[in-house]
Amino acid sequence: MELNDIVEEVKESEEWEAVKMNILEIGIEKGIEQGLQQGLQQGVQQGAEKKLLEQVEKKLKKGQTIAQIADALEESEAKIREVVDLLQKD
């Protein structure tokens, strides 16, 4: 029996189908896991950005300057200016 014949016989067996299904299931599980992880990271990032927007808005209403806000929130003045620009667009 040649190698090609052996390979064909294995491919036609029920065990090969089980192996293929197992490989597929593992791939799907890993894909789902990666998707969930990415979604979680995006959610955390969006939450942090929303919190920063809210904090900057409150401090602006209290009359604080960009420099004061940046110092209080431990962010750069450039970042606070970006947030202020976003708030002014809305």
PDB file of N, CA and C in Angstrom:
ATOM      1  N   MET A   1       0.849  -1.177   0.000  1.00  0.00           N
ATOM      2  CA  MET A   1       0.000   0.000   0.000  1.00  0.00           C
ATOM      3  C   MET A   1       0.894   1.240   0.000  1.00  0.00           C
ATOM      4  N   GLU A   2       0.593   2.177  -0.892  1.00  0.00           N
ATOM      5  CA  GLU A   2       1.391   3.393  -1.003  1.00  0.00           C
ATOM      6  C   GLU A   2       0.891   4.450  -0.022  1.00  0.00           C
ATOM      7  N   LEU A   3       1.714   5.433   0.175  1.00  0.00           N
ATOM      8  CA  LEU A   3       1.389   6.517   1.105  1.00  0.00           C
ATOM      9  C   LEU A   3       0.107   7.230   0.688  1.00  0.00           C
ATOM     10  N   ASN A   4      -0.051   7.496  -0.593  1.00  0.00           N
ATOM     11  CA  ASN A   4      -1.265   8.171  -1.071  1.00  0.00           C
ATOM     12  C   ASN A   4      -2.514   7.367  -0.725  1.00  0.00           C
ATOM     13  N   ASP A   5      -2.431   6.057  -0.861  1.00  0.00           N
ATOM     14  CA  ASP A   5      -3.569   5.202  -0.539  1.00  0.00           C
ATOM     15  C   ASP A   5      -3.902   5.277   0.950  1.00  0.00           C
ATOM     16  N   ILE A   6      -2.869   5.286   1.763  1.00  0.00           N
ATOM     17  CA  ILE A   6      -3.062   5.368   3.218  1.00  0.00           C
ATOM     18  C   ILE A   6      -3.716   6.696   3.588  1.00  0.00           C
ATOM     19  N   VAL A   7      -3.211   7.765   2.985  1.00  0.00           N
ATOM     20  CA  VAL A   7      -3.762   9.101   3.262  1.00  0.00           C
ATOM     21  C   VAL A   7      -5.230   9.150   2.853  1.00  0.00           C
ATOM     22  N   GLU A   8      -5.563   8.642   1.689  1.00  0.00           N
ATOM     23  CA  GLU A   8      -6.950   8.627   1.224  1.00  0.00           C
ATOM     24  C   GLU A   8      -7.837   7.811   2.158  1.00  0.00           C
ATOM     25  N   GLU A   9      -7.334   6.684   2.616  1.00  0.00           N
ATOM     26  CA  GLU A   9      -8.099   5.834   3.522  1.00  0.00           C
ATOM     27  C   GLU A   9      -8.371   6.546   4.843  1.00  0.00           C
ATOM     28  N   VAL A  10      -7.362   7.240   5.352  1.00  0.00           N
ATOM     29  CA  VAL A  10      -7.525   7.989   6.606  1.00  0.00           C
ATOM     30  C   VAL A  10      -8.538   9.108   6.416  1.00  0.00           C
ATOM     31  N   LYS A  11      -8.449   9.817   5.289  1.00  0.00           N
ATOM     32  CA  LYS A  11      -9.371  10.924   5.027  1.00  0.00           C
ATOM     33  C   LYS A  11     -10.819  10.451   4.952  1.00  0.00           C
ATOM     34  N   GLU A  12     -11.032   9.247   4.484  1.00  0.00           N
ATOM     35  CA  GLU A  12     -12.382   8.708   4.344  1.00  0.00           C
ATOM     36  C   GLU A  12     -12.915   8.119   5.645  1.00  0.00           C
ATOM     37  N   SER A  13     -12.083   7.952   6.620  1.00  0.00           N
ATOM     38  CA  SER A  13     -12.519   7.316   7.866  1.00  0.00           C
ATOM     39  C   SER A  13     -13.319   8.281   8.737  1.00  0.00           C
ATOM     40  N   GLU A  14     -14.120   7.710   9.630  1.00  0.00           N
ATOM     41  CA  GLU A  14     -14.907   8.513  10.568  1.00  0.00           C
ATOM     42  C   GLU A  14     -14.004   9.262  11.540  1.00  0.00           C
ATOM     43  N   GLU A  15     -12.870   8.679  11.876  1.00  0.00           N
ATOM     44  CA  GLU A  15     -11.933   9.337  12.787  1.00  0.00           C
ATOM     45  C   GLU A  15     -11.453  10.651  12.186  1.00  0.00           C
ATOM     46  N   TRP A  16     -11.181  10.665  10.895  1.00  0.00           N
ATOM     47  CA  TRP A  16     -10.712  11.882  10.236  1.00  0.00           C
ATOM     48  C   TRP A  16     -11.783  12.960  10.317  1.00  0.00           C
ATOM     49  N   GLU A  17     -13.045  12.574  10.125  1.00  0.00           N
ATOM     50  CA  GLU A  17     -14.137  13.535  10.244  1.00  0.00           C
ATOM     51  C   GLU A  17     -14.180  14.114  11.657  1.00  0.00           C
ATOM     52  N   ALA A  18     -13.981  13.262  12.651  1.00  0.00           N
ATOM     53  CA  ALA A  18     -13.982  13.722  14.044  1.00  0.00           C
ATOM     54  C   ALA A  18     -12.828  14.685  14.294  1.00  0.00           C
ATOM     55  N   VAL A  19     -11.673  14.376  13.728  1.00  0.00           N
ATOM     56  CA  VAL A  19     -10.505  15.250  13.888  1.00  0.00           C
ATOM     57  C   VAL A  19     -10.777  16.598  13.231  1.00  0.00           C
ATOM     58  N   LYS A  20     -11.338  16.582  12.019  1.00  0.00           N
ATOM     59  CA  LYS A  20     -11.644  17.839  11.324  1.00  0.00           C
ATOM     60  C   LYS A  20     -12.638  18.672  12.123  1.00  0.00           C
ATOM     61  N   MET A  21     -13.666  18.023  12.672  1.00  0.00           N
ATOM     62  CA  MET A  21     -14.658  18.743  13.461  1.00  0.00           C
ATOM     63  C   MET A  21     -14.031  19.322  14.724  1.00  0.00           C
ATOM     64  N   ASN A  22     -13.144  18.569  15.348  1.00  0.00           N
ATOM     65  CA  ASN A  22     -12.468  19.037  16.557  1.00  0.00           C
ATOM     66  C   ASN A  22     -11.607  20.257  16.241  1.00  0.00           C
ATOM     67  N   ILE A  23     -10.888  20.196  15.141  1.00  0.00           N
ATOM     68  CA  ILE A  23     -10.055  21.330  14.731  1.00  0.00           C
ATOM     69  C   ILE A  23     -10.934  22.549  14.470  1.00  0.00           C
ATOM     70  N   LEU A  24     -12.051  22.345  13.789  1.00  0.00           N
ATOM     71  CA  LEU A  24     -12.976  23.434  13.499  1.00  0.00           C
ATOM     72  C   LEU A  24     -13.534  24.035  14.789  1.00  0.00           C
ATOM     73  N   GLU A  25     -13.940  23.183  15.723  1.00  0.00           N
ATOM     74  CA  GLU A  25     -14.483  23.664  16.994  1.00  0.00           C
ATOM     75  C   GLU A  25     -13.452  24.468  17.777  1.00  0.00           C
ATOM     76  N   ILE A  26     -12.218  23.998  17.782  1.00  0.00           N
ATOM     77  CA  ILE A  26     -11.151  24.722  18.484  1.00  0.00           C
ATOM     78  C   ILE A  26     -10.954  26.091  17.844  1.00  0.00           C
ATOM     79  N   GLY A  27     -10.953  26.135  16.520  1.00  0.00           N
ATOM     80  CA  GLY A  27     -10.797  27.409  15.815  1.00  0.00           C
ATOM     81  C   GLY A  27     -11.927  28.370  16.126  1.00  0.00           C
ATOM     82  N   ILE A  28     -13.139  27.861  16.145  1.00  0.00           N
ATOM     83  CA  ILE A  28     -14.297  28.701  16.456  1.00  0.00           C
ATOM     84  C   ILE A  28     -14.208  29.220  17.887  1.00  0.00           C
ATOM     85  N   GLU A  29     -13.866  28.352  18.824  1.00  0.00           N
ATOM     86  CA  GLU A  29     -13.747  28.765  20.228  1.00  0.00           C
ATOM     87  C   GLU A  29     -12.688  29.846  20.401  1.00  0.00           C
ATOM     88  N   LYS A  30     -11.551  29.676  19.728  1.00  0.00           N
ATOM     89  CA  LYS A  30     -10.493  30.687  19.836  1.00  0.00           C
ATOM     90  C   LYS A  30     -10.947  32.003  19.225  1.00  0.00           C
ATOM     91  N   GLY A  31     -11.671  31.939  18.115  1.00  0.00           N
ATOM     92  CA  GLY A  31     -12.191  33.150  17.484  1.00  0.00           C
ATOM     93  C   GLY A  31     -13.164  33.884  18.388  1.00  0.00           C
ATOM     94  N   ILE A  32     -14.045  33.132  19.021  1.00  0.00           N
ATOM     95  CA  ILE A  32     -15.007  33.735  19.947  1.00  0.00           C
ATOM     96  C   ILE A  32     -14.278  34.369  21.126  1.00  0.00           C
ATOM     97  N   GLU A  33     -13.309  33.660  21.663  1.00  0.00           N
ATOM     98  CA  GLU A  33     -12.535  34.172  22.802  1.00  0.00           C
ATOM     99  C   GLU A  33     -11.820  35.474  22.434  1.00  0.00           C
ATOM    100  N   GLN A  34     -11.203  35.503  21.259  1.00  0.00           N
ATOM    101  CA  GLN A  34     -10.505  36.716  20.822  1.00  0.00           C
ATOM    102  C   GLN A  34     -11.490  37.859  20.620  1.00  0.00           C
ATOM    103  N   GLY A  35     -12.646  37.555  20.052  1.00  0.00           N
ATOM    104  CA  GLY A  35     -13.661  38.582  19.838  1.00  0.00           C
ATOM    105  C   GLY A  35     -14.162  39.172  21.146  1.00  0.00           C
ATOM    106  N   LEU A  36     -14.394  38.315  22.123  1.00  0.00           N
ATOM    107  CA  LEU A  36     -14.841  38.792  23.430  1.00  0.00           C
ATOM    108  C   LEU A  36     -13.786  39.669  24.089  1.00  0.00           C
ATOM    109  N   GLN A  37     -12.534  39.259  23.994  1.00  0.00           N
ATOM    110  CA  GLN A  37     -11.440  40.028  24.591  1.00  0.00           C
ATOM    111  C   GLN A  37     -11.334  41.405  23.943  1.00  0.00           C
ATOM    112  N   GLN A  38     -11.420  41.441  22.616  1.00  0.00           N
ATOM    113  CA  GLN A  38     -11.346  42.720  21.909  1.00  0.00           C
ATOM    114  C   GLN A  38     -12.530  43.606  22.275  1.00  0.00           C
ATOM    115  N   GLY A  39     -13.709  43.002  22.377  1.00  0.00           N
ATOM    116  CA  GLY A  39     -14.894  43.766  22.753  1.00  0.00           C
ATOM    117  C   GLY A  39     -14.773  44.345  24.151  1.00  0.00           C
ATOM    118  N   LEU A  40     -14.236  43.565  25.059  1.00  0.00           N
ATOM    119  CA  LEU A  40     -14.035  44.030  26.428  1.00  0.00           C
ATOM    120  C   LEU A  40     -13.059  45.199  26.461  1.00  0.00           C
ATOM    121  N   GLN A  41     -11.965  45.071  25.738  1.00  0.00           N
ATOM    122  CA  GLN A  41     -10.973  46.144  25.695  1.00  0.00           C
ATOM    123  C   GLN A  41     -11.576  47.419  25.113  1.00  0.00           C
ATOM    124  N   GLN A  42     -12.369  47.289  24.056  1.00  0.00           N
ATOM    125  CA  GLN A  42     -13.005  48.462  23.456  1.00  0.00           C
ATOM    126  C   GLN A  42     -13.988  49.098  24.427  1.00  0.00           C
ATOM    127  N   GLY A  43     -14.727  48.266  25.148  1.00  0.00           N
ATOM    128  CA  GLY A  43     -15.681  48.781  26.119  1.00  0.00           C
ATOM    129  C   GLY A  43     -15.007  49.555  27.237  1.00  0.00           C
ATOM    130  N   VAL A  44     -13.911  49.036  27.726  1.00  0.00           N
ATOM    131  CA  VAL A  44     -13.155  49.720  28.780  1.00  0.00           C
ATOM    132  C   VAL A  44     -12.629  51.052  28.257  1.00  0.00           C
ATOM    133  N   GLN A  45     -12.087  51.051  27.046  1.00  0.00           N
ATOM    134  CA  GLN A  45     -11.548  52.275  26.444  1.00  0.00           C
ATOM    135  C   GLN A  45     -12.650  53.319  26.267  1.00  0.00           C
ATOM    136  N   GLN A  46     -13.798  52.895  25.759  1.00  0.00           N
ATOM    137  CA  GLN A  46     -14.904  53.827  25.558  1.00  0.00           C
ATOM    138  C   GLN A  46     -15.402  54.383  26.885  1.00  0.00           C
ATOM    139  N   GLY A  47     -15.437  53.537  27.902  1.00  0.00           N
ATOM    140  CA  GLY A  47     -15.859  53.991  29.221  1.00  0.00           C
ATOM    141  C   GLY A  47     -14.913  55.036  29.792  1.00  0.00           C
ATOM    142  N   ALA A  48     -13.612  54.825  29.606  1.00  0.00           N
ATOM    143  CA  ALA A  48     -12.614  55.780  30.097  1.00  0.00           C
ATOM    144  C   ALA A  48     -12.745  57.114  29.360  1.00  0.00           C
ATOM    145  N   GLU A  49     -12.977  57.047  28.056  1.00  0.00           N
ATOM    146  CA  GLU A  49     -13.131  58.276  27.273  1.00  0.00           C
ATOM    147  C   GLU A  49     -14.382  59.039  27.698  1.00  0.00           C
ATOM    148  N   LYS A  50     -15.470  58.317  27.927  1.00  0.00           N
ATOM    149  CA  LYS A  50     -16.711  58.959  28.366  1.00  0.00           C
ATOM    150  C   LYS A  50     -16.518  59.623  29.723  1.00  0.00           C
ATOM    151  N   LYS A  51     -15.834  58.929  30.619  1.00  0.00           N
ATOM    152  CA  LYS A  51     -15.577  59.482  31.954  1.00  0.00           C
ATOM    153  C   LYS A  51     -14.766  60.769  31.857  1.00  0.00           C
ATOM    154  N   LEU A  52     -13.747  60.774  30.985  1.00  0.00           N
ATOM    155  CA  LEU A  52     -12.924  61.971  30.809  1.00  0.00           C
ATOM    156  C   LEU A  52     -13.775  63.124  30.279  1.00  0.00           C
ATOM    157  N   LEU A  53     -14.634  62.842  29.299  1.00  0.00           N
ATOM    158  CA  LEU A  53     -15.523  63.882  28.765  1.00  0.00           C
ATOM    159  C   LEU A  53     -16.394  64.474  29.870  1.00  0.00           C
ATOM    160  N   GLU A  54     -16.963  63.610  30.688  1.00  0.00           N
ATOM    161  CA  GLU A  54     -17.831  64.072  31.773  1.00  0.00           C
ATOM    162  C   GLU A  54     -17.067  64.918  32.780  1.00  0.00           C
ATOM    163  N   GLN A  55     -15.860  64.480  33.137  1.00  0.00           N
ATOM    164  CA  GLN A  55     -15.067  65.221  34.118  1.00  0.00           C
ATOM    165  C   GLN A  55     -14.665  66.593  33.577  1.00  0.00           C
ATOM    166  N   VAL A  56     -14.239  66.630  32.323  1.00  0.00           N
ATOM    167  CA  VAL A  56     -13.829  67.906  31.725  1.00  0.00           C
ATOM    168  C   VAL A  56     -15.027  68.846  31.659  1.00  0.00           C
ATOM    169  N   GLU A  57     -16.170  68.325  31.254  1.00  0.00           N
ATOM    170  CA  GLU A  57     -17.374  69.158  31.154  1.00  0.00           C
ATOM    171  C   GLU A  57     -17.737  69.768  32.510  1.00  0.00           C
ATOM    172  N   LYS A  58     -17.687  68.964  33.562  1.00  0.00           N
ATOM    173  CA  LYS A  58     -17.998  69.466  34.906  1.00  0.00           C
ATOM    174  C   LYS A  58     -17.023  70.561  35.330  1.00  0.00           C
ATOM    175  N   LYS A  59     -15.750  70.344  35.053  1.00  0.00           N
ATOM    176  CA  LYS A  59     -14.736  71.310  35.475  1.00  0.00           C
ATOM    177  C   LYS A  59     -14.833  72.603  34.666  1.00  0.00           C
ATOM    178  N   LEU A  60     -15.204  72.497  33.396  1.00  0.00           N
ATOM    179  CA  LEU A  60     -15.408  73.702  32.589  1.00  0.00           C
ATOM    180  C   LEU A  60     -16.569  74.524  33.147  1.00  0.00           C
ATOM    181  N   LYS A  61     -17.634  73.846  33.550  1.00  0.00           N
ATOM    182  CA  LYS A  61     -18.798  74.537  34.114  1.00  0.00           C
ATOM    183  C   LYS A  61     -18.449  75.250  35.414  1.00  0.00           C
ATOM    184  N   LYS A  62     -17.438  74.736  36.116  1.00  0.00           N
ATOM    185  CA  LYS A  62     -16.986  75.374  37.353  1.00  0.00           C
ATOM    186  C   LYS A  62     -16.024  76.518  37.069  1.00  0.00           C
ATOM    187  N   GLY A  63     -15.718  76.745  35.789  1.00  0.00           N
ATOM    188  CA  GLY A  63     -14.858  77.859  35.412  1.00  0.00           C
ATOM    189  C   GLY A  63     -13.374  77.552  35.420  1.00  0.00           C
ATOM    190  N   GLN A  64     -13.002  76.294  35.479  1.00  0.00           N
ATOM    191  CA  GLN A  64     -11.579  75.941  35.488  1.00  0.00           C
ATOM    192  C   GLN A  64     -10.981  76.097  34.089  1.00  0.00           C
ATOM    193  N   THR A  65      -9.707  76.435  34.053  1.00  0.00           N
ATOM    194  CA  THR A  65      -8.991  76.576  32.786  1.00  0.00           C
ATOM    195  C   THR A  65      -8.528  75.202  32.294  1.00  0.00           C
ATOM    196  N   ILE A  66      -8.106  75.183  31.040  1.00  0.00           N
ATOM    197  CA  ILE A  66      -7.580  73.940  30.467  1.00  0.00           C
ATOM    198  C   ILE A  66      -6.383  73.453  31.277  1.00  0.00           C
ATOM    199  N   ALA A  67      -5.514  74.366  31.666  1.00  0.00           N
ATOM    200  CA  ALA A  67      -4.329  73.994  32.446  1.00  0.00           C
ATOM    201  C   ALA A  67      -4.729  73.389  33.794  1.00  0.00           C
ATOM    202  N   GLN A  68      -5.704  73.992  34.451  1.00  0.00           N
ATOM    203  CA  GLN A  68      -6.163  73.478  35.742  1.00  0.00           C
ATOM    204  C   GLN A  68      -6.791  72.084  35.592  1.00  0.00           C
ATOM    205  N   ILE A  69      -7.581  71.933  34.552  1.00  0.00           N
ATOM    206  CA  ILE A  69      -8.234  70.640  34.312  1.00  0.00           C
ATOM    207  C   ILE A  69      -7.189  69.573  34.014  1.00  0.00           C
ATOM    208  N   ALA A  70      -6.233  69.906  33.164  1.00  0.00           N
ATOM    209  CA  ALA A  70      -5.173  68.955  32.808  1.00  0.00           C
ATOM    210  C   ALA A  70      -4.411  68.526  34.053  1.00  0.00           C
ATOM    211  N   ASP A  71      -4.108  69.481  34.909  1.00  0.00           N
ATOM    212  CA  ASP A  71      -3.378  69.173  36.142  1.00  0.00           C
ATOM    213  C   ASP A  71      -4.221  68.279  37.060  1.00  0.00           C
ATOM    214  N   ALA A  72      -5.482  68.624  37.226  1.00  0.00           N
ATOM    215  CA  ALA A  72      -6.353  67.868  38.128  1.00  0.00           C
ATOM    216  C   ALA A  72      -6.588  66.439  37.633  1.00  0.00           C
ATOM    217  N   LEU A  73      -6.698  66.274  36.319  1.00  0.00           N
ATOM    218  CA  LEU A  73      -6.995  64.953  35.758  1.00  0.00           C
ATOM    219  C   LEU A  73      -5.747  64.201  35.310  1.00  0.00           C
ATOM    220  N   GLU A  74      -4.601  64.830  35.524  1.00  0.00           N
ATOM    221  CA  GLU A  74      -3.315  64.230  35.143  1.00  0.00           C
ATOM    222  C   GLU A  74      -3.287  63.827  33.669  1.00  0.00           C
ATOM    223  N   GLU A  75      -3.749  64.750  32.832  1.00  0.00           N
ATOM    224  CA  GLU A  75      -3.729  64.586  31.377  1.00  0.00           C
ATOM    225  C   GLU A  75      -2.947  65.753  30.792  1.00  0.00           C
ATOM    226  N   SER A  76      -2.553  65.612  29.540  1.00  0.00           N
ATOM    227  CA  SER A  76      -1.852  66.718  28.888  1.00  0.00           C
ATOM    228  C   SER A  76      -2.862  67.805  28.515  1.00  0.00           C
ATOM    229  N   GLU A  77      -2.361  69.023  28.412  1.00  0.00           N
ATOM    230  CA  GLU A  77      -3.238  70.121  27.999  1.00  0.00           C
ATOM    231  C   GLU A  77      -3.763  69.876  26.586  1.00  0.00           C
ATOM    232  N   ALA A  78      -2.944  69.268  25.738  1.00  0.00           N
ATOM    233  CA  ALA A  78      -3.372  68.967  24.366  1.00  0.00           C
ATOM    234  C   ALA A  78      -4.575  68.018  24.380  1.00  0.00           C
ATOM    235  N   LYS A  79      -4.524  67.018  25.235  1.00  0.00           N
ATOM    236  CA  LYS A  79      -5.636  66.061  25.338  1.00  0.00           C
ATOM    237  C   LYS A  79      -6.893  66.764  25.832  1.00  0.00           C
ATOM    238  N   ILE A  80      -6.746  67.630  26.816  1.00  0.00           N
ATOM    239  CA  ILE A  80      -7.902  68.354  27.355  1.00  0.00           C
ATOM    240  C   ILE A  80      -8.473  69.289  26.293  1.00  0.00           C
ATOM    241  N   ARG A  81      -7.605  69.928  25.495  1.00  0.00           N
ATOM    242  CA  ARG A  81      -8.085  70.788  24.401  1.00  0.00           C
ATOM    243  C   ARG A  81      -8.919  69.974  23.400  1.00  0.00           C
ATOM    244  N   GLU A  82      -8.461  68.759  23.093  1.00  0.00           N
ATOM    245  CA  GLU A  82      -9.218  67.878  22.186  1.00  0.00           C
ATOM    246  C   GLU A  82     -10.608  67.603  22.750  1.00  0.00           C
ATOM    247  N   VAL A  83     -10.658  67.324  24.036  1.00  0.00           N
ATOM    248  CA  VAL A  83     -11.936  67.031  24.684  1.00  0.00           C
ATOM    249  C   VAL A  83     -12.827  68.267  24.661  1.00  0.00           C
ATOM    250  N   VAL A  84     -12.265  69.420  24.956  1.00  0.00           N
ATOM    251  CA  VAL A  84     -13.030  70.671  24.941  1.00  0.00           C
ATOM    252  C   VAL A  84     -13.579  70.924  23.538  1.00  0.00           C
ATOM    253  N   ASP A  85     -12.757  70.694  22.519  1.00  0.00           N
ATOM    254  CA  ASP A  85     -13.214  70.871  21.136  1.00  0.00           C
ATOM    255  C   ASP A  85     -14.389  69.945  20.830  1.00  0.00           C
ATOM    256  N   LEU A  86     -14.307  68.707  21.283  1.00  0.00           N
ATOM    257  CA  LEU A  86     -15.408  67.757  21.078  1.00  0.00           C
ATOM    258  C   LEU A  86     -16.682  68.231  21.777  1.00  0.00           C
ATOM    259  N   LEU A  87     -16.524  68.715  22.993  1.00  0.00           N
ATOM    260  CA  LEU A  87     -17.680  69.181  23.752  1.00  0.00           C
ATOM    261  C   LEU A  87     -18.316  70.400  23.095  1.00  0.00           C
ATOM    262  N   GLN A  88     -17.505  71.259  22.515  1.00  0.00           N
ATOM    263  CA  GLN A  88     -18.029  72.465  21.877  1.00  0.00           C
ATOM    264  C   GLN A  88     -18.746  72.153  20.566  1.00  0.00           C
ATOM    265  N   LYS A  89     -18.378  71.042  19.917  1.00  0.00           N
ATOM    266  CA  LYS A  89     -19.049  70.642  18.674  1.00  0.00           C
ATOM    267  C   LYS A  89     -20.467  70.168  18.942  1.00  0.00           C
ATOM    268  N   ASP A  90     -20.664  69.564  20.101  1.00  0.00           N
ATOM    269  CA  ASP A  90     -21.995  69.025  20.441  1.00  0.00           C
ATOM    270  C   ASP A  90     -22.855  70.120  20.910  1.00  0.00           C
TER     271      ASP A  90
END
